[in-house]
Amino acid sequence: MKTWLLAAVLGAMLIGAIALSARLWTSMDNAVGAHGWAALIIGAVLTFVVGAGLMALVFFSSRRGYDEDDREP
């Protein structure tokens, strides 16, 4: 029950944030130019690549044993 309530509250907050962002975005009278869209797309792609690279390093480090303790019991 507690987990379900937390998920419901977080989902409602996400929906509210998306709705507010969409309303603010459409209420502006300035349009985003080509350079703005390019910066947005490049930033999103680079963020994804960095995140995927860091996750790959985590799995690589875990599988190779770099995270293990060096001490012998």
N, C-alpha and C. Protein backbone atom coordinates (compact mmCIF):
# COMPACT_ATOMS: atom_id res chain seq x y z
N MET A 1 0.82 -1.20 0.00
CA MET A 1 0.00 0.00 0.00
C MET A 1 0.87 1.26 0.00
N LYS A 2 1.92 1.23 0.82
CA LYS A 2 2.79 2.40 0.93
C LYS A 2 3.53 2.66 -0.39
N THR A 3 3.99 1.60 -1.04
CA THR A 3 4.69 1.74 -2.32
C THR A 3 3.75 2.26 -3.39
N TRP A 4 2.53 1.75 -3.40
CA TRP A 4 1.54 2.19 -4.38
C TRP A 4 1.24 3.67 -4.21
N LEU A 5 1.11 4.12 -2.97
CA LEU A 5 0.82 5.53 -2.70
C LEU A 5 1.99 6.41 -3.16
N LEU A 6 3.21 5.98 -2.89
CA LEU A 6 4.38 6.73 -3.34
C LEU A 6 4.41 6.83 -4.86
N ALA A 7 4.15 5.72 -5.55
CA ALA A 7 4.13 5.72 -7.01
C ALA A 7 3.03 6.64 -7.54
N ALA A 8 1.87 6.64 -6.90
CA ALA A 8 0.77 7.49 -7.34
C ALA A 8 1.12 8.97 -7.16
N VAL A 9 1.73 9.32 -6.04
CA VAL A 9 2.10 10.71 -5.78
C VAL A 9 3.17 11.17 -6.78
N LEU A 10 4.18 10.34 -6.99
CA LEU A 10 5.23 10.70 -7.95
C LEU A 10 4.68 10.79 -9.37
N GLY A 11 3.77 9.90 -9.74
CA GLY A 11 3.15 9.96 -11.06
C GLY A 11 2.33 11.23 -11.23
N ALA A 12 1.59 11.62 -10.18
CA ALA A 12 0.80 12.85 -10.25
C ALA A 12 1.70 14.08 -10.37
N MET A 13 2.83 14.06 -9.65
CA MET A 13 3.77 15.17 -9.76
C MET A 13 4.37 15.25 -11.16
N LEU A 14 4.68 14.10 -11.75
CA LEU A 14 5.22 14.08 -13.11
C LEU A 14 4.21 14.62 -14.11
N ILE A 15 2.98 14.18 -14.01
CA ILE A 15 1.93 14.66 -14.91
C ILE A 15 1.73 16.17 -14.75
N GLY A 16 1.74 16.64 -13.51
CA GLY A 16 1.60 18.07 -13.26
C GLY A 16 2.75 18.88 -13.85
N ALA A 17 3.97 18.37 -13.70
CA ALA A 17 5.13 19.07 -14.25
C ALA A 17 5.08 19.11 -15.77
N ILE A 18 4.67 18.02 -16.39
CA ILE A 18 4.55 17.99 -17.85
C ILE A 18 3.47 18.94 -18.32
N ALA A 19 2.33 18.96 -17.64
CA ALA A 19 1.24 19.85 -18.02
C ALA A 19 1.65 21.32 -17.87
N LEU A 20 2.31 21.64 -16.78
CA LEU A 20 2.76 23.03 -16.57
C LEU A 20 3.79 23.43 -17.61
N SER A 21 4.72 22.54 -17.90
CA SER A 21 5.74 22.84 -18.91
C SER A 21 5.11 23.05 -20.28
N ALA A 22 4.16 22.20 -20.64
CA ALA A 22 3.50 22.35 -21.94
C ALA A 22 2.72 23.66 -22.01
N ARG A 23 2.06 24.01 -20.92
CA ARG A 23 1.29 25.26 -20.91
C ARG A 23 2.21 26.48 -21.03
N LEU A 24 3.31 26.47 -20.29
CA LEU A 24 4.25 27.59 -20.38
C LEU A 24 4.90 27.66 -21.75
N TRP A 25 5.23 26.50 -22.32
CA TRP A 25 5.88 26.45 -23.64
C TRP A 25 4.97 27.04 -24.71
N THR A 26 3.69 26.68 -24.68
CA THR A 26 2.77 27.15 -25.72
C THR A 26 2.31 28.59 -25.48
N SER A 27 2.42 29.09 -24.25
CA SER A 27 1.96 30.46 -23.99
C SER A 27 2.98 31.51 -24.40
N MET A 28 4.21 31.12 -24.66
CA MET A 28 5.23 32.08 -25.07
C MET A 28 5.00 32.49 -26.52
N ASP A 29 5.29 33.75 -26.81
CA ASP A 29 5.10 34.22 -28.18
C ASP A 29 6.37 34.10 -29.01
N ASN A 30 7.46 33.67 -28.41
CA ASN A 30 8.71 33.46 -29.16
C ASN A 30 8.83 32.00 -29.55
N ALA A 31 9.19 31.77 -30.79
CA ALA A 31 9.39 30.41 -31.27
C ALA A 31 10.85 30.01 -31.11
N VAL A 32 11.08 28.72 -30.98
CA VAL A 32 12.45 28.21 -30.88
C VAL A 32 13.00 28.08 -32.29
N GLY A 33 14.17 28.65 -32.51
CA GLY A 33 14.78 28.60 -33.83
C GLY A 33 15.51 27.29 -34.07
N ALA A 34 16.11 27.20 -35.24
CA ALA A 34 16.82 25.98 -35.62
C ALA A 34 18.01 25.72 -34.71
N HIS A 35 18.71 26.77 -34.29
CA HIS A 35 19.85 26.57 -33.40
C HIS A 35 19.40 26.08 -32.03
N GLY A 36 18.26 26.54 -31.59
CA GLY A 36 17.72 26.06 -30.31
C GLY A 36 17.36 24.59 -30.36
N TRP A 37 16.70 24.17 -31.45
CA TRP A 37 16.36 22.75 -31.61
C TRP A 37 17.60 21.90 -31.73
N ALA A 38 18.60 22.39 -32.46
CA ALA A 38 19.85 21.63 -32.60
C ALA A 38 20.53 21.47 -31.25
N ALA A 39 20.58 22.54 -30.46
CA ALA A 39 21.19 22.46 -29.14
C ALA A 39 20.42 21.50 -28.23
N LEU A 40 19.10 21.52 -28.32
CA LEU A 40 18.28 20.62 -27.51
C LEU A 40 18.52 19.17 -27.89
N ILE A 41 18.56 18.88 -29.16
CA ILE A 41 18.75 17.50 -29.63
C ILE A 41 20.17 17.02 -29.30
N ILE A 42 21.16 17.85 -29.56
CA ILE A 42 22.55 17.46 -29.26
C ILE A 42 22.73 17.24 -27.76
N GLY A 43 22.15 18.11 -26.95
CA GLY A 43 22.24 17.94 -25.50
C GLY A 43 21.58 16.67 -25.01
N ALA A 44 20.41 16.34 -25.57
CA ALA A 44 19.73 15.11 -25.17
C ALA A 44 20.52 13.87 -25.58
N VAL A 45 21.06 13.88 -26.79
CA VAL A 45 21.84 12.73 -27.27
C VAL A 45 23.11 12.57 -26.44
N LEU A 46 23.82 13.65 -26.19
CA LEU A 46 25.05 13.56 -25.40
C LEU A 46 24.76 13.12 -23.96
N THR A 47 23.66 13.57 -23.40
CA THR A 47 23.28 13.12 -22.06
C THR A 47 23.03 11.63 -22.04
N PHE A 48 22.34 11.12 -23.05
CA PHE A 48 22.09 9.68 -23.15
C PHE A 48 23.39 8.91 -23.32
N VAL A 49 24.28 9.40 -24.16
CA VAL A 49 25.56 8.71 -24.42
C VAL A 49 26.41 8.67 -23.15
N VAL A 50 26.48 9.78 -22.42
CA VAL A 50 27.27 9.80 -21.19
C VAL A 50 26.66 8.85 -20.16
N GLY A 51 25.34 8.85 -20.02
CA GLY A 51 24.69 7.93 -19.09
C GLY A 51 24.93 6.48 -19.45
N ALA A 52 24.81 6.15 -20.74
CA ALA A 52 25.04 4.77 -21.18
C ALA A 52 26.50 4.38 -20.98
N GLY A 53 27.42 5.29 -21.24
CA GLY A 53 28.83 5.00 -21.03
C GLY A 53 29.16 4.76 -19.57
N LEU A 54 28.59 5.56 -18.69
CA LEU A 54 28.84 5.36 -17.26
C LEU A 54 28.24 4.05 -16.77
N MET A 55 27.06 3.69 -17.27
CA MET A 55 26.48 2.40 -16.89
C MET A 55 27.33 1.25 -17.41
N ALA A 56 27.87 1.38 -18.60
CA ALA A 56 28.76 0.34 -19.14
C ALA A 56 30.01 0.21 -18.27
N LEU A 57 30.55 1.32 -17.81
CA LEU A 57 31.71 1.26 -16.92
C LEU A 57 31.38 0.59 -15.59
N VAL A 58 30.18 0.83 -15.08
CA VAL A 58 29.77 0.18 -13.83
C VAL A 58 29.71 -1.32 -14.02
N PHE A 59 29.09 -1.79 -15.10
CA PHE A 59 29.00 -3.23 -15.34
C PHE A 59 30.38 -3.83 -15.62
N PHE A 60 31.21 -3.15 -16.38
CA PHE A 60 32.55 -3.63 -16.68
C PHE A 60 33.37 -3.77 -15.40
N SER A 61 33.31 -2.76 -14.55
CA SER A 61 34.05 -2.77 -13.30
C SER A 61 33.56 -3.88 -12.38
N SER A 62 32.27 -4.09 -12.34
CA SER A 62 31.70 -5.14 -11.49
C SER A 62 32.09 -6.53 -11.98
N ARG A 63 32.05 -6.75 -13.27
CA ARG A 63 32.35 -8.08 -13.82
C ARG A 63 33.84 -8.41 -13.76
N ARG A 64 34.69 -7.41 -13.87
CA ARG A 64 36.14 -7.65 -13.83
C ARG A 64 36.68 -7.72 -12.41
N GLY A 65 35.86 -7.42 -11.43
CA GLY A 65 36.30 -7.51 -10.04
C GLY A 65 37.02 -6.29 -9.51
N TYR A 66 36.93 -5.18 -10.21
CA TYR A 66 37.60 -3.97 -9.75
C TYR A 66 36.94 -3.39 -8.50
N ASP A 67 35.71 -3.78 -8.24
CA ASP A 67 34.99 -3.26 -7.08
C ASP A 67 35.24 -4.10 -5.83
N GLU A 68 35.92 -5.23 -5.97
CA GLU A 68 36.14 -6.12 -4.85
C GLU A 68 37.24 -5.58 -3.94
N ASP A 69 37.22 -6.04 -2.70
CA ASP A 69 38.24 -5.66 -1.73
C ASP A 69 39.54 -6.40 -2.03
N ASP A 70 40.67 -5.75 -1.85
CA ASP A 70 41.97 -6.38 -2.12
C ASP A 70 42.46 -7.25 -0.96
N ARG A 71 41.88 -7.10 0.19
CA ARG A 71 42.35 -7.83 1.37
C ARG A 71 41.97 -9.31 1.29
N GLU A 72 42.89 -10.15 1.73
CA GLU A 72 42.63 -11.59 1.83
C GLU A 72 42.06 -11.86 3.21
N PRO A 73 41.05 -12.71 3.33
CA PRO A 73 40.49 -13.00 4.68
C PRO A 73 41.39 -13.87 5.52
